[in-house]
N, C-alpha and C. Protein backbone atom coordinates (compact mmCIF):
# COMPACT_ATOMS: atom_id res chain seq x y z
N UNK A 1 -6.39 1.41 29.92
CA UNK A 1 -6.93 2.85 29.69
C UNK A 1 -6.28 3.63 28.38
N UNK A 2 -5.09 3.65 28.27
CA UNK A 2 -4.43 4.45 27.59
C UNK A 2 -4.69 3.48 25.78
N UNK A 3 -4.46 2.58 25.78
CA UNK A 3 -4.90 1.37 24.98
C UNK A 3 -6.24 1.28 24.07
N UNK A 4 -7.12 1.89 24.98
CA UNK A 4 -8.70 2.13 25.12
C UNK A 4 -8.86 3.18 24.25
N UNK A 5 -8.10 4.48 24.59
CA UNK A 5 -7.94 5.60 24.13
C UNK A 5 -7.73 5.12 22.34
N UNK A 6 -6.68 5.12 22.12
CA UNK A 6 -5.74 4.73 20.89
C UNK A 6 -6.41 5.12 19.45
N UNK A 7 -7.53 3.92 19.55
CA UNK A 7 -8.53 4.16 18.16
C UNK A 7 -9.17 5.45 18.25
N UNK A 8 -9.38 6.22 18.92
CA UNK A 8 -10.18 7.35 19.36
C UNK A 8 -9.19 8.12 18.68
N UNK A 9 -8.00 8.28 19.47
CA UNK A 9 -6.86 9.24 18.84
C UNK A 9 -6.60 9.06 17.58
N UNK A 10 -6.38 8.29 17.39
CA UNK A 10 -6.10 7.70 15.74
C UNK A 10 -7.04 8.67 14.76
N UNK A 11 -7.99 7.93 15.03
CA UNK A 11 -9.71 8.38 14.34
C UNK A 11 -9.42 10.20 14.45
N UNK A 12 -9.53 10.43 15.48
CA UNK A 12 -9.72 11.94 15.56
C UNK A 12 -8.42 12.36 14.38
N UNK A 13 -7.01 12.34 14.59
CA UNK A 13 -5.60 12.75 13.92
C UNK A 13 -6.91 13.04 12.30
N UNK A 14 -6.73 11.76 11.97
CA UNK A 14 -7.68 11.13 10.58
C UNK A 14 -8.54 12.68 10.37
N UNK A 15 -9.74 12.47 11.15
CA UNK A 15 -10.26 13.43 10.59
C UNK A 15 -9.78 14.38 10.58
N UNK A 16 -9.07 15.47 11.18
CA UNK A 16 -8.40 16.64 11.44
C UNK A 16 -7.80 16.91 10.37
N UNK A 17 -6.82 15.85 9.77
CA UNK A 17 -5.96 15.96 8.32
C UNK A 17 -7.20 16.11 7.46
N UNK A 18 -8.14 15.14 7.53
CA UNK A 18 -9.00 15.37 6.26
C UNK A 18 -9.96 16.25 5.53
N UNK A 19 -10.39 17.04 7.11
CA UNK A 19 -11.00 18.62 7.59
C UNK A 19 -9.97 19.77 7.05
N UNK A 20 -8.92 19.62 7.62
CA UNK A 20 -8.03 20.50 6.76
C UNK A 20 -7.75 20.48 5.26
N UNK A 21 -7.85 19.81 4.65
CA UNK A 21 -6.80 19.56 3.65
C UNK A 21 -8.34 19.91 2.69
N UNK A 22 -9.24 19.40 2.75
CA UNK A 22 -10.46 19.81 2.23
C UNK A 22 -10.83 21.63 1.98
N UNK A 23 -10.84 21.62 3.72
CA UNK A 23 -10.94 23.36 3.62
C UNK A 23 -10.28 23.91 2.86
N UNK A 24 -8.64 23.42 2.64
CA UNK A 24 -7.47 24.45 1.62
C UNK A 24 -8.04 24.47 0.79
N UNK A 25 -8.83 23.38 -0.03
CA UNK A 25 -8.98 23.12 -1.76
C UNK A 25 -10.16 23.94 -1.73
N UNK A 26 -9.33 24.85 -2.87
CA UNK A 26 -10.08 25.22 -4.20
C UNK A 26 -11.06 24.81 -5.08
N UNK A 27 -12.04 25.95 -5.26
CA UNK A 27 -13.62 25.08 -5.57
C UNK A 27 -13.01 24.59 -6.82
N UNK A 28 -11.76 25.37 -7.69
CA UNK A 28 -11.65 24.49 -9.06
C UNK A 28 -11.33 23.33 -8.84
N UNK A 29 -10.40 22.92 -7.45
CA UNK A 29 -9.97 21.66 -7.52
C UNK A 29 -10.74 20.79 -6.76
N UNK A 30 -12.33 20.70 -6.79
CA UNK A 30 -13.15 19.85 -6.13
C UNK A 30 -13.00 18.65 -6.86
N UNK A 31 -13.25 18.52 -8.38
CA UNK A 31 -13.17 17.11 -9.27
C UNK A 31 -12.14 17.43 -9.98
N UNK A 32 -11.19 16.48 -10.49
CA UNK A 32 -10.35 16.54 -11.39
C UNK A 32 -10.28 14.96 -12.34
N UNK A 33 -10.62 15.20 -12.78
CA UNK A 33 -11.33 13.50 -14.09
C UNK A 33 -9.46 12.99 -14.77
N UNK A 34 -9.22 12.14 -14.29
CA UNK A 34 -8.20 11.43 -15.07
C UNK A 34 -8.11 10.29 -15.96
N UNK A 35 -9.96 10.12 -16.30
CA UNK A 35 -9.56 9.15 -16.97
C UNK A 35 -11.13 8.93 -17.98
N UNK A 36 -10.70 9.23 -18.84
CA UNK A 36 -12.13 9.71 -19.62
C UNK A 36 -12.67 8.81 -21.32
N UNK A 37 -11.25 8.05 -21.39
CA UNK A 37 -11.31 6.84 -22.25
C UNK A 37 -11.56 5.49 -21.95
N UNK A 38 -11.12 4.93 -22.36
CA UNK A 38 -10.59 3.30 -22.05
C UNK A 38 -8.86 3.34 -22.27
N UNK A 39 -8.31 3.82 -23.88
CA UNK A 39 -7.27 3.26 -24.04
C UNK A 39 -6.72 4.76 -23.46
N UNK A 40 -7.07 5.94 -23.10
CA UNK A 40 -6.26 6.62 -23.28
C UNK A 40 -4.56 6.78 -22.91
N UNK A 41 -3.71 7.72 -22.93
CA UNK A 41 -2.33 7.65 -22.13
C UNK A 41 -2.89 7.63 -20.55
N UNK A 42 -1.82 7.20 -19.86
CA UNK A 42 -1.95 7.33 -18.08
C UNK A 42 -1.23 8.23 -17.52
N UNK A 43 -0.10 8.98 -18.26
CA UNK A 43 0.07 10.39 -17.50
C UNK A 43 0.11 9.88 -16.53
N UNK A 44 1.09 9.27 -15.82
CA UNK A 44 0.91 8.84 -14.20
C UNK A 44 -0.06 8.22 -13.46
N UNK A 45 -0.98 7.69 -13.93
CA UNK A 45 -2.57 7.48 -13.39
C UNK A 45 -2.13 6.00 -13.88
N UNK A 46 -1.85 5.06 -14.21
CA UNK A 46 -2.29 3.86 -14.11
C UNK A 46 -0.64 3.31 -12.90
N UNK A 47 -1.04 1.78 -12.45
CA UNK A 47 0.12 1.37 -11.65
C UNK A 47 0.24 -0.38 -11.51
N UNK A 48 0.99 -0.24 -10.86
CA UNK A 48 1.44 -2.20 -11.33
C UNK A 48 1.66 -2.34 -9.50
N UNK A 49 1.67 -2.93 -8.93
CA UNK A 49 1.79 -3.69 -7.67
C UNK A 49 1.95 -5.07 -7.17
N UNK A 50 2.74 -5.57 -6.98
CA UNK A 50 3.82 -6.77 -6.34
C UNK A 50 3.39 -6.95 -4.87
N UNK A 51 2.57 -7.80 -4.03
CA UNK A 51 2.20 -8.23 -2.77
C UNK A 51 2.98 -9.69 -2.51
N UNK A 52 3.46 -9.65 -1.14
CA UNK A 52 3.70 -10.94 -0.78
C UNK A 52 3.53 -11.00 1.01
N UNK A 53 3.25 -12.01 1.27
CA UNK A 53 3.56 -11.73 2.98
C UNK A 53 2.46 -12.74 3.79
N UNK A 54 2.36 -13.17 5.08
CA UNK A 54 1.77 -14.26 5.55
C UNK A 54 0.92 -14.30 5.90
N UNK A 55 0.09 -15.30 6.24
CA UNK A 55 -1.71 -15.49 6.37
C UNK A 55 -1.76 -15.23 8.00
N UNK A 56 -2.72 -14.89 8.30
CA UNK A 56 -3.19 -13.97 9.68
C UNK A 56 -4.24 -14.95 10.18
N UNK A 57 -4.42 -15.36 11.15
CA UNK A 57 -5.46 -15.85 12.37
C UNK A 57 -6.08 -15.30 12.90
N UNK A 58 -5.50 -13.58 13.46
CA UNK A 58 -5.90 -13.08 14.33
C UNK A 58 -7.35 -12.36 13.56
N UNK A 59 -8.34 -12.05 14.22
CA UNK A 59 -9.49 -11.77 13.40
C UNK A 59 -9.69 -10.24 13.26
N UNK A 60 -9.98 -9.76 11.60
CA UNK A 60 -9.51 -8.57 11.36
C UNK A 60 -10.70 -7.65 12.14
N UNK A 61 -12.18 -8.17 12.32
CA UNK A 61 -12.55 -7.13 13.72
C UNK A 61 -12.23 -6.66 14.92
N UNK A 62 -11.55 -8.09 15.44
CA UNK A 62 -10.62 -7.24 16.33
C UNK A 62 -9.40 -6.50 16.29
N UNK A 63 -8.45 -6.56 14.84
CA UNK A 63 -7.81 -5.74 14.84
C UNK A 63 -8.27 -4.28 14.37
N UNK A 64 -9.22 -3.95 13.86
CA UNK A 64 -10.02 -2.73 13.49
C UNK A 64 -10.50 -2.36 14.58
N UNK A 65 -11.04 -3.43 15.82
CA UNK A 65 -12.12 -2.29 16.55
C UNK A 65 -11.05 -2.74 18.04
N UNK A 66 -10.56 -3.14 18.39
CA UNK A 66 -9.63 -3.42 19.83
C UNK A 66 -8.34 -2.57 19.36
N UNK A 67 -8.13 -2.26 18.35
CA UNK A 67 -6.50 -2.00 18.30
C UNK A 67 -5.31 -2.74 18.43
N UNK A 68 -5.27 -4.16 18.54
CA UNK A 68 -4.47 -5.04 18.55
C UNK A 68 -3.35 -4.76 17.69
N UNK A 69 -2.53 -3.88 17.90
CA UNK A 69 -0.75 -3.91 17.45
C UNK A 69 -0.19 -5.28 16.72
N UNK A 70 0.31 -4.81 15.63
CA UNK A 70 0.92 -5.82 14.69
C UNK A 70 1.59 -6.95 15.68
N UNK A 71 2.69 -6.47 16.40
CA UNK A 71 3.48 -7.32 16.63
C UNK A 71 2.63 -8.45 17.98
N UNK A 72 1.50 -8.19 17.96
CA UNK A 72 0.67 -9.14 18.68
C UNK A 72 -0.50 -9.79 17.88
N UNK A 73 -0.46 -9.83 16.56
CA UNK A 73 -0.73 -10.46 15.58
C UNK A 73 -0.57 -12.09 15.89
N UNK A 74 -1.52 -13.25 15.19
CA UNK A 74 -1.62 -14.30 15.77
C UNK A 74 -1.08 -14.68 14.17
N UNK A 75 -0.24 -15.69 13.58
CA UNK A 75 0.26 -15.96 11.90
C UNK A 75 0.09 -17.23 12.17
N UNK A 76 -0.34 -17.68 10.71
CA UNK A 76 -0.05 -19.10 10.65
C UNK A 76 0.63 -19.32 9.49
N UNK A 77 1.14 -20.89 9.04
CA UNK A 77 2.12 -21.33 8.65
C UNK A 77 1.65 -21.14 6.50
N UNK A 78 0.58 -20.13 6.23
CA UNK A 78 0.34 -19.55 4.99
C UNK A 78 1.11 -18.46 4.84
N UNK A 79 0.87 -18.50 3.21
CA UNK A 79 1.61 -17.38 2.83
C UNK A 79 0.45 -17.13 1.00
N UNK A 80 0.64 -15.42 0.95
CA UNK A 80 0.36 -14.95 -0.16
C UNK A 80 1.28 -14.57 -1.28
N UNK A 81 1.24 -14.76 -2.48
CA UNK A 81 1.69 -13.34 -3.11
C UNK A 81 0.83 -13.47 -4.48
N UNK A 82 1.15 -11.79 -4.81
CA UNK A 82 -0.27 -10.91 -5.66
C UNK A 82 0.20 -10.13 -6.47
N UNK A 83 -0.21 -10.23 -7.43
CA UNK A 83 0.05 -8.50 -8.33
C UNK A 83 -1.37 -7.91 -8.58
N UNK A 84 -1.57 -6.67 -8.99
CA UNK A 84 -2.53 -5.57 -9.61
C UNK A 84 -2.05 -4.73 -10.48
N UNK A 85 -3.09 -4.57 -10.66
CA UNK A 85 -3.14 -3.31 -12.30
C UNK A 85 -4.29 -2.32 -11.51
N UNK A 86 -4.03 -1.05 -11.39
CA UNK A 86 -4.93 0.14 -11.58
C UNK A 86 -4.41 1.14 -11.74
N UNK A 87 -5.82 2.27 -11.88
CA UNK A 87 -6.03 3.23 -12.86
C UNK A 87 -6.29 4.06 -11.97
N UNK A 88 -6.07 5.51 -11.68
CA UNK A 88 -6.55 6.21 -11.33
C UNK A 88 -7.76 7.06 -11.94
N UNK A 89 -8.91 7.47 -11.44
CA UNK A 89 -10.26 7.68 -12.23
C UNK A 89 -10.57 9.43 -12.11
N UNK A 90 -10.71 9.53 -10.35
CA UNK A 90 -10.78 10.99 -10.52
C UNK A 90 -10.20 11.72 -9.08
N UNK A 91 -9.99 12.85 -8.95
CA UNK A 91 -9.08 13.05 -7.17
C UNK A 91 -10.39 14.29 -7.38
N UNK A 92 -10.32 14.16 -5.66
CA UNK A 92 -11.73 14.94 -5.40
C UNK A 92 -10.98 16.07 -4.21
N UNK A 93 -11.24 17.30 -4.39
CA UNK A 93 -10.80 17.58 -3.51
C UNK A 93 -9.18 18.78 -2.83
N UNK A 94 -8.31 17.77 -3.92
CA UNK A 94 -6.88 17.28 -4.69
C UNK A 94 -6.41 16.49 -3.38
N UNK A 95 -7.61 15.66 -2.17
CA UNK A 95 -6.71 15.13 -1.45
C UNK A 95 -6.86 13.49 -1.31
N UNK A 96 -8.18 13.39 -2.31
CA UNK A 96 -8.96 12.31 -1.93
C UNK A 96 -8.94 11.10 -3.86
N UNK A 97 -8.11 10.13 -4.02
CA UNK A 97 -7.91 9.84 -5.22
C UNK A 97 -9.17 8.56 -5.32
N UNK A 98 -9.71 8.22 -6.16
CA UNK A 98 -10.68 6.93 -6.75
C UNK A 98 -9.50 6.31 -7.79
N UNK A 99 -9.72 5.14 -7.20
CA UNK A 99 -8.84 4.01 -8.00
C UNK A 99 -9.64 2.60 -8.75
N UNK A 100 -9.34 2.04 -9.64
CA UNK A 100 -9.64 0.91 -10.29
C UNK A 100 -8.80 -0.07 -9.92
N UNK A 101 -9.15 -1.05 -9.42
CA UNK A 101 -8.13 -2.08 -9.11
C UNK A 101 -8.41 -3.54 -9.94
N UNK A 102 -7.57 -4.32 -10.77
CA UNK A 102 -7.94 -5.24 -10.66
C UNK A 102 -6.51 -6.84 -10.16
N UNK A 103 -6.91 -7.65 -9.67
CA UNK A 103 -6.03 -8.14 -9.31
C UNK A 103 -5.80 -9.64 -9.09
N UNK A 104 -4.82 -10.50 -9.37
CA UNK A 104 -5.15 -12.01 -8.62
C UNK A 104 -3.54 -12.75 -8.21
N UNK A 105 -4.18 -13.45 -7.33
CA UNK A 105 -2.96 -14.09 -6.77
C UNK A 105 -3.06 -15.65 -5.86
N UNK A 106 -2.23 -15.61 -5.21
CA UNK A 106 -2.34 -17.31 -4.96
C UNK A 106 -2.05 -17.51 -3.63
N UNK A 107 -2.31 -18.62 -3.16
CA UNK A 107 -1.86 -18.85 -1.89
C UNK A 107 -1.24 -19.78 -1.55
N UNK A 108 -0.31 -20.04 -0.11
CA UNK A 108 0.53 -21.05 -0.37
C UNK A 108 0.20 -21.90 1.14
N UNK A 109 0.53 -22.85 1.52
CA UNK A 109 0.78 -23.63 3.01
C UNK A 109 -0.49 -24.15 3.15
N UNK A 110 -0.80 -23.16 4.54
CA UNK A 110 -1.79 -23.62 5.28
C UNK A 110 -3.55 -23.89 3.98
N UNK A 111 -3.66 -22.78 3.42
CA UNK A 111 -4.29 -22.49 2.33
C UNK A 111 -3.86 -22.52 0.39
N UNK A 112 -4.59 -23.24 -0.16
CA UNK A 112 -3.95 -23.41 -1.45
C UNK A 112 -4.56 -22.90 -3.18
N UNK A 113 -5.61 -22.01 -2.26
CA UNK A 113 -6.47 -21.39 -3.60
C UNK A 113 -5.96 -19.87 -4.37
N UNK A 114 -6.54 -19.91 -5.47
CA UNK A 114 -6.32 -18.78 -5.64
C UNK A 114 -6.99 -17.64 -5.97
N UNK A 115 -6.75 -16.25 -6.37
CA UNK A 115 -7.90 -15.36 -5.85
C UNK A 115 -7.63 -14.71 -6.91
N UNK A 116 -8.74 -14.22 -7.70
CA UNK A 116 -8.57 -12.85 -8.63
C UNK A 116 -9.96 -11.81 -7.27
N UNK A 117 -9.54 -10.85 -7.70
CA UNK A 117 -10.32 -9.19 -7.58
C UNK A 117 -10.47 -8.26 -8.43
N UNK A 118 -11.64 -7.56 -8.07
CA UNK A 118 -11.84 -6.58 -8.90
C UNK A 118 -12.31 -5.61 -7.70
N UNK A 119 -11.94 -3.90 -7.50
CA UNK A 119 -11.98 -3.21 -6.28
C UNK A 119 -12.22 -1.67 -7.13
N UNK A 120 -12.66 -0.81 -6.33
CA UNK A 120 -12.55 0.27 -6.17
C UNK A 120 -11.94 1.02 -4.84
N UNK A 121 -10.87 1.49 -5.05
CA UNK A 121 -10.12 1.94 -3.76
C UNK A 121 -9.98 3.52 -4.07
N UNK A 122 -10.83 4.00 -2.36
CA UNK A 122 -10.45 5.87 -2.25
C UNK A 122 -9.66 5.82 -1.44
N UNK A 123 -8.68 7.00 -1.53
CA UNK A 123 -7.19 6.94 -0.97
C UNK A 123 -6.87 8.30 -0.69
N UNK A 124 -6.52 8.53 0.64
CA UNK A 124 -6.37 9.85 1.21
C UNK A 124 -4.92 10.07 0.86
N UNK A 125 -4.83 11.49 0.33
CA UNK A 125 -3.57 11.23 0.07
C UNK A 125 -3.04 13.07 0.52
N UNK A 126 -3.22 13.66 2.05
CA UNK A 126 -3.28 14.61 2.15
C UNK A 126 -2.68 15.12 3.51
N UNK A 127 -1.76 14.04 4.31
CA UNK A 127 -1.26 14.30 5.11
C UNK A 127 -0.22 15.54 5.57
N UNK A 128 -0.49 16.38 6.05
CA UNK A 128 0.25 17.19 6.57
C UNK A 128 2.10 16.90 6.28
N UNK A 129 2.74 16.28 6.82
CA UNK A 129 4.25 15.60 6.83
C UNK A 129 4.43 15.03 5.35
N UNK A 130 3.64 15.22 3.94
CA UNK A 130 3.90 14.68 2.85
C UNK A 130 5.05 15.06 2.40
N UNK A 131 5.69 16.17 2.81
CA UNK A 131 6.88 16.98 2.22
C UNK A 131 8.05 16.39 2.35
N UNK A 132 8.26 15.62 3.76
CA UNK A 132 8.98 14.57 4.14
C UNK A 132 9.08 13.17 4.18
N UNK A 133 7.79 12.75 3.99
CA UNK A 133 7.91 11.22 3.97
C UNK A 133 5.81 11.22 3.10
N UNK A 134 5.77 10.76 1.81
CA UNK A 134 4.76 11.00 1.31
C UNK A 134 3.73 9.52 1.44
N UNK A 135 2.58 9.65 2.07
CA UNK A 135 2.00 8.82 2.66
C UNK A 135 0.79 9.38 2.49
N UNK A 136 -0.15 8.04 2.19
CA UNK A 136 -1.66 7.12 1.39
C UNK A 136 -2.09 6.51 2.16
N UNK A 137 -3.29 6.56 2.86
CA UNK A 137 -4.33 5.58 2.90
C UNK A 137 -5.52 5.14 2.29
N UNK A 138 -6.06 4.12 1.99
CA UNK A 138 -6.52 3.68 1.32
C UNK A 138 -7.53 2.44 1.98
N UNK A 139 -9.11 2.62 0.93
CA UNK A 139 -9.81 1.47 1.63
C UNK A 139 -10.56 1.59 0.46
N UNK A 140 -11.23 -0.19 0.71
CA UNK A 140 -10.93 -0.69 -0.72
C UNK A 140 -12.64 -1.40 -0.77
N UNK A 141 -13.67 -1.13 -2.39
CA UNK A 141 -14.73 -2.43 -1.81
C UNK A 141 -14.98 -2.81 -3.14
N UNK A 142 -15.21 -4.10 -3.32
CA UNK A 142 -15.39 -4.69 -4.43
C UNK A 142 -15.54 -5.92 -4.30
N UNK A 143 -15.09 -7.05 -5.28
CA UNK A 143 -15.78 -8.39 -5.30
C UNK A 143 -14.15 -9.39 -5.32
N UNK A 144 -14.16 -10.36 -4.27
CA UNK A 144 -13.05 -10.90 -4.28
C UNK A 144 -13.56 -12.65 -4.47
N UNK A 145 -12.87 -13.20 -5.48
CA UNK A 145 -12.96 -14.90 -6.25
C UNK A 145 -12.43 -15.91 -6.29
N UNK A 146 -12.21 -16.95 -4.86
CA UNK A 146 -11.96 -18.02 -4.63
C UNK A 146 -11.33 -18.63 -5.52
N UNK A 147 -10.73 -19.38 -5.78
CA UNK A 147 -11.27 -20.94 -7.03
C UNK A 147 -11.65 -21.91 -6.48
N UNK A 148 -11.01 -21.83 -4.56
CA UNK A 148 -11.69 -23.29 -3.72
C UNK A 148 -12.24 -22.06 -2.47
N UNK A 149 -12.51 -23.57 -1.71
CA UNK A 149 -13.00 -22.43 -0.61
C UNK A 149 -12.06 -23.86 0.76
N UNK A 150 -10.98 -22.97 1.44
CA UNK A 150 -10.18 -23.36 2.29
C UNK A 150 -11.02 -24.26 3.81
N UNK A 151 -10.26 -24.42 4.06
CA UNK A 151 -10.77 -25.39 5.98
C UNK A 151 -11.14 -24.10 6.72
N UNK A 152 -10.14 -23.05 6.79
CA UNK A 152 -10.03 -21.81 7.28
C UNK A 152 -11.13 -21.18 7.03
N UNK A 153 -11.59 -20.68 5.87
CA UNK A 153 -12.87 -20.08 4.97
C UNK A 153 -14.04 -20.79 5.77
N UNK A 154 -14.18 -22.40 5.48
CA UNK A 154 -15.42 -22.77 6.41
C UNK A 154 -15.50 -22.63 7.57
N UNK A 155 -14.63 -22.58 8.58
CA UNK A 155 -14.34 -21.71 9.81
C UNK A 155 -15.17 -20.53 10.27
N UNK A 156 -14.30 -19.80 9.06
CA UNK A 156 -14.27 -18.22 9.40
C UNK A 156 -15.55 -17.73 8.85
N UNK A 157 -16.43 -18.45 7.91
CA UNK A 157 -17.47 -18.00 7.53
C UNK A 157 -19.17 -18.01 8.28
N UNK A 158 -18.49 -18.95 9.28
CA UNK A 158 -19.74 -19.00 10.35
C UNK A 158 -21.25 -19.23 9.32
N UNK A 159 -20.94 -20.08 8.60
CA UNK A 159 -22.26 -20.29 7.98
C UNK A 159 -22.94 -21.88 8.40
N UNK A 160 -23.87 -22.29 9.00
CA UNK A 160 -24.91 -22.85 9.46
C UNK A 160 -26.04 -24.06 7.81
N UNK A 161 -25.14 -24.91 7.83
CA UNK A 161 -24.17 -25.89 7.94
C UNK A 161 -22.54 -25.41 7.65
N UNK A 162 -21.80 -25.65 8.24
CA UNK A 162 -20.63 -25.23 7.91
C UNK A 162 -20.28 -25.44 6.25
N UNK A 163 -19.74 -24.53 5.62
CA UNK A 163 -19.32 -24.30 4.13
C UNK A 163 -18.68 -23.10 4.27
N UNK A 164 -18.61 -22.46 2.83
CA UNK A 164 -17.80 -21.54 2.64
C UNK A 164 -18.93 -20.98 1.68
N UNK A 165 -17.95 -20.22 0.62
CA UNK A 165 -18.65 -18.79 -0.47
C UNK A 165 -16.74 -19.23 -1.07
N UNK A 166 -17.12 -18.74 -2.81
CA UNK A 166 -16.26 -18.57 -3.64
C UNK A 166 -16.33 -17.14 -3.78
N UNK A 167 -17.05 -16.33 -3.81
CA UNK A 167 -17.85 -14.85 -3.65
C UNK A 167 -17.50 -14.07 -2.11
N UNK A 168 -16.68 -13.55 -1.97
CA UNK A 168 -16.99 -12.77 -0.76
C UNK A 168 -16.64 -10.68 -1.39
N UNK A 169 -16.65 -10.11 -0.17
CA UNK A 169 -16.41 -9.05 -0.27
C UNK A 169 -14.83 -8.72 -0.31
N UNK A 170 -14.37 -7.72 -0.78
CA UNK A 170 -12.73 -7.84 -1.17
C UNK A 170 -12.24 -6.37 -0.33
N UNK A 171 -11.77 -6.45 0.89
CA UNK A 171 -12.05 -5.04 1.50
C UNK A 171 -10.73 -5.09 2.35
N UNK A 172 -9.62 -4.39 1.72
CA UNK A 172 -8.35 -4.44 1.40
C UNK A 172 -7.66 -3.20 2.29
N UNK A 173 -7.56 -2.60 3.57
CA UNK A 173 -6.90 -1.73 3.92
C UNK A 173 -5.47 -1.34 3.37
N UNK A 174 -5.18 -0.66 3.01
CA UNK A 174 -3.59 -0.33 2.60
C UNK A 174 -2.96 0.63 3.25
N UNK A 175 -1.67 0.94 3.88
CA UNK A 175 -0.58 2.14 3.93
C UNK A 175 0.09 2.23 3.05
N UNK A 176 0.60 3.58 2.40
CA UNK A 176 1.71 3.07 1.58
C UNK A 176 2.62 4.78 1.87
N UNK A 177 4.35 4.77 1.64
CA UNK A 177 5.05 4.90 1.81
C UNK A 177 5.45 5.38 0.35
N UNK A 178 6.32 7.14 0.33
CA UNK A 178 7.54 6.90 -0.46
C UNK A 178 8.03 8.22 -0.21
N UNK A 179 9.27 8.06 -0.61
CA UNK A 179 9.92 9.86 -0.89
C UNK A 179 9.44 10.42 -2.09
N UNK A 180 8.98 11.76 -1.08
CA UNK A 180 8.63 12.83 -1.81
C UNK A 180 8.83 13.51 -3.11
N UNK A 181 10.57 13.32 -3.61
CA UNK A 181 10.67 13.53 -4.91
C UNK A 181 10.40 12.06 -6.34
N UNK A 182 10.12 10.92 -5.06
CA UNK A 182 9.77 9.93 -5.98
C UNK A 182 8.20 9.38 -5.56
N UNK A 183 7.52 9.84 -6.33
CA UNK A 183 5.99 9.39 -5.53
C UNK A 183 5.75 8.25 -6.83
N UNK A 184 6.87 8.34 -7.50
CA UNK A 184 6.13 7.14 -8.85
C UNK A 184 6.41 5.89 -8.38
N UNK A 185 7.51 5.40 -7.16
CA UNK A 185 7.79 4.76 -6.25
C UNK A 185 7.22 4.12 -4.77
N UNK A 186 6.32 3.73 -4.91
CA UNK A 186 5.74 3.17 -3.13
C UNK A 186 6.24 2.17 -2.69
N UNK A 187 6.03 2.00 -1.05
CA UNK A 187 6.71 0.90 -0.57
C UNK A 187 4.64 0.67 0.31
N UNK A 188 4.11 -0.83 -0.11
CA UNK A 188 2.64 -0.87 0.15
C UNK A 188 2.82 -2.25 1.11
N UNK A 189 1.98 -1.47 2.36
CA UNK A 189 1.09 -2.23 3.25
C UNK A 189 -0.38 -2.87 3.47
N UNK A 190 -0.70 -4.09 3.01
CA UNK A 190 -1.89 -4.23 2.75
C UNK A 190 -2.74 -5.03 3.93
N UNK A 191 -3.89 -5.15 4.51
CA UNK A 191 -4.16 -6.42 4.89
C UNK A 191 -5.42 -6.72 3.68
N UNK A 192 -4.35 -8.23 3.27
CA UNK A 192 -5.16 -8.43 2.04
C UNK A 192 -6.45 -9.24 2.96
N UNK A 193 -7.78 -9.12 2.61
CA UNK A 193 -8.96 -9.42 3.26
C UNK A 193 -10.05 -9.93 2.32
N UNK A 194 -10.45 -10.62 2.69
CA UNK A 194 -11.62 -11.28 1.92
C UNK A 194 -12.94 -11.60 3.23
N UNK A 195 -14.01 -10.75 2.83
CA UNK A 195 -14.42 -10.36 4.01
C UNK A 195 -16.44 -10.60 3.61
N UNK A 196 -17.23 -10.85 4.42
CA UNK A 196 -18.31 -11.11 3.93
C UNK A 196 -19.09 -10.26 4.64
N UNK A 197 -18.76 -9.14 4.67
CA UNK A 197 -19.35 -7.78 5.49
C UNK A 197 -20.67 -8.72 6.41
N UNK A 198 -20.25 -8.96 7.49
CA UNK A 198 -21.10 -9.68 8.63
C UNK A 198 -22.28 -10.11 7.98
N UNK A 199 -22.01 -11.31 6.72
CA UNK A 199 -23.32 -11.77 5.98
C UNK A 199 -23.62 -11.22 5.35
N UNK A 200 -23.87 -9.96 4.55
CA UNK A 200 -24.24 -9.18 3.54
C UNK A 200 -24.01 -10.24 2.25
N UNK A 201 -22.38 -10.32 2.07
CA UNK A 201 -21.74 -10.96 0.81
C UNK A 201 -22.17 -12.31 1.08
N UNK A 202 -22.64 -13.05 0.35
CA UNK A 202 -23.16 -14.48 0.31
C UNK A 202 -23.51 -15.41 1.96
N UNK A 203 -24.14 -14.62 2.94
CA UNK A 203 -23.83 -14.80 3.63
C UNK A 203 -23.13 -15.38 5.10
N UNK A 204 -21.84 -15.36 4.32
CA UNK A 204 -21.26 -15.38 5.25
C UNK A 204 -20.41 -14.05 6.40
N UNK A 205 -19.31 -15.12 7.12
CA UNK A 205 -19.13 -13.73 7.98
C UNK A 205 -17.92 -13.22 8.00
N UNK A 206 -17.15 -14.15 7.41
CA UNK A 206 -15.31 -13.60 6.83
C UNK A 206 -14.58 -14.85 6.14
N UNK A 207 -13.65 -14.22 5.13
CA UNK A 207 -12.46 -15.18 5.39
C UNK A 207 -10.95 -14.84 5.09
N UNK A 208 -10.08 -15.42 4.58
CA UNK A 208 -8.73 -15.39 4.24
C UNK A 208 -8.95 -13.82 5.07
N UNK A 209 -7.38 -14.12 5.34
CA UNK A 209 -6.80 -12.73 5.08
C UNK A 209 -5.15 -13.04 5.80
N UNK A 210 -4.39 -11.73 4.63
CA UNK A 210 -2.85 -11.97 4.71
C UNK A 210 -2.50 -10.29 4.99
N UNK A 211 -1.25 -10.29 5.55
CA UNK A 211 -0.57 -9.34 6.01
C UNK A 211 0.47 -9.35 4.47
N UNK A 212 -0.22 -8.00 3.52
CA UNK A 212 1.25 -8.35 2.38
C UNK A 212 2.03 -6.88 2.99
N UNK A 213 3.01 -6.92 1.81
CA UNK A 213 4.01 -6.21 1.61
C UNK A 213 4.51 -5.59 0.63
N UNK A 214 5.05 -4.48 0.13
CA UNK A 214 4.71 -4.68 -1.26
C UNK A 214 5.49 -3.80 -2.38
N UNK A 215 5.70 -3.45 -3.84
CA UNK A 215 6.12 -2.13 -4.22
C UNK A 215 5.07 -1.41 -5.17
N UNK A 216 4.62 -0.81 -5.31
CA UNK A 216 4.09 -0.10 -6.56
C UNK A 216 4.48 1.12 -7.39
N UNK A 217 4.66 0.87 -8.56
CA UNK A 217 5.35 1.67 -9.59
C UNK A 217 4.22 1.73 -10.77
N UNK A 218 4.09 3.13 -10.61
CA UNK A 218 3.85 4.31 -11.19
C UNK A 218 3.91 4.83 -12.40
N UNK A 219 2.93 4.92 -13.80
CA UNK A 219 3.39 5.38 -14.57
C UNK A 219 2.34 5.82 -15.63
């Protein structure tokens, strides 16, 4: 029973933090643009991220909707290493950042394909404990291109006849931590996931997933 209530409790805590942060925002803080021209100075709004991590065989839907803890996830013999460049575009209500990201990576082990993605992240920065440990949570939407179709993705895609697709949805939630006085240096944890969005993208159900960790430098 306690396990079944865990997702609801986590969601409730997040919603409460969102509402409190937005309520405290002044009208003049509702929209703050950071990017007006292509080559304007970064002023702290640009970032470089490096990531590495093992492959996951646990279904992402089970991770999200049944709250399976990380120590019970199933891993395979694959690895992923990649990097990304990003830029903050706009801040809403002082607590939501919208960022554009372009990244690339390489799979090793059980899968061998390269990946390239372009995505937009929506990042929540208004956690009440940020004066102790600066924390952000972000969700992405975009497109991911794989240079090949692995046997894993042929199965995960659930296409009939079995096959796969080079292009899938890039849905890669992440959690970051930083010292309050050094927010330009972040520890990043990301589910590097290619999603079929339940068949919406290319008819496929799902794709490869890696649990990655890395660092982000903002400048």
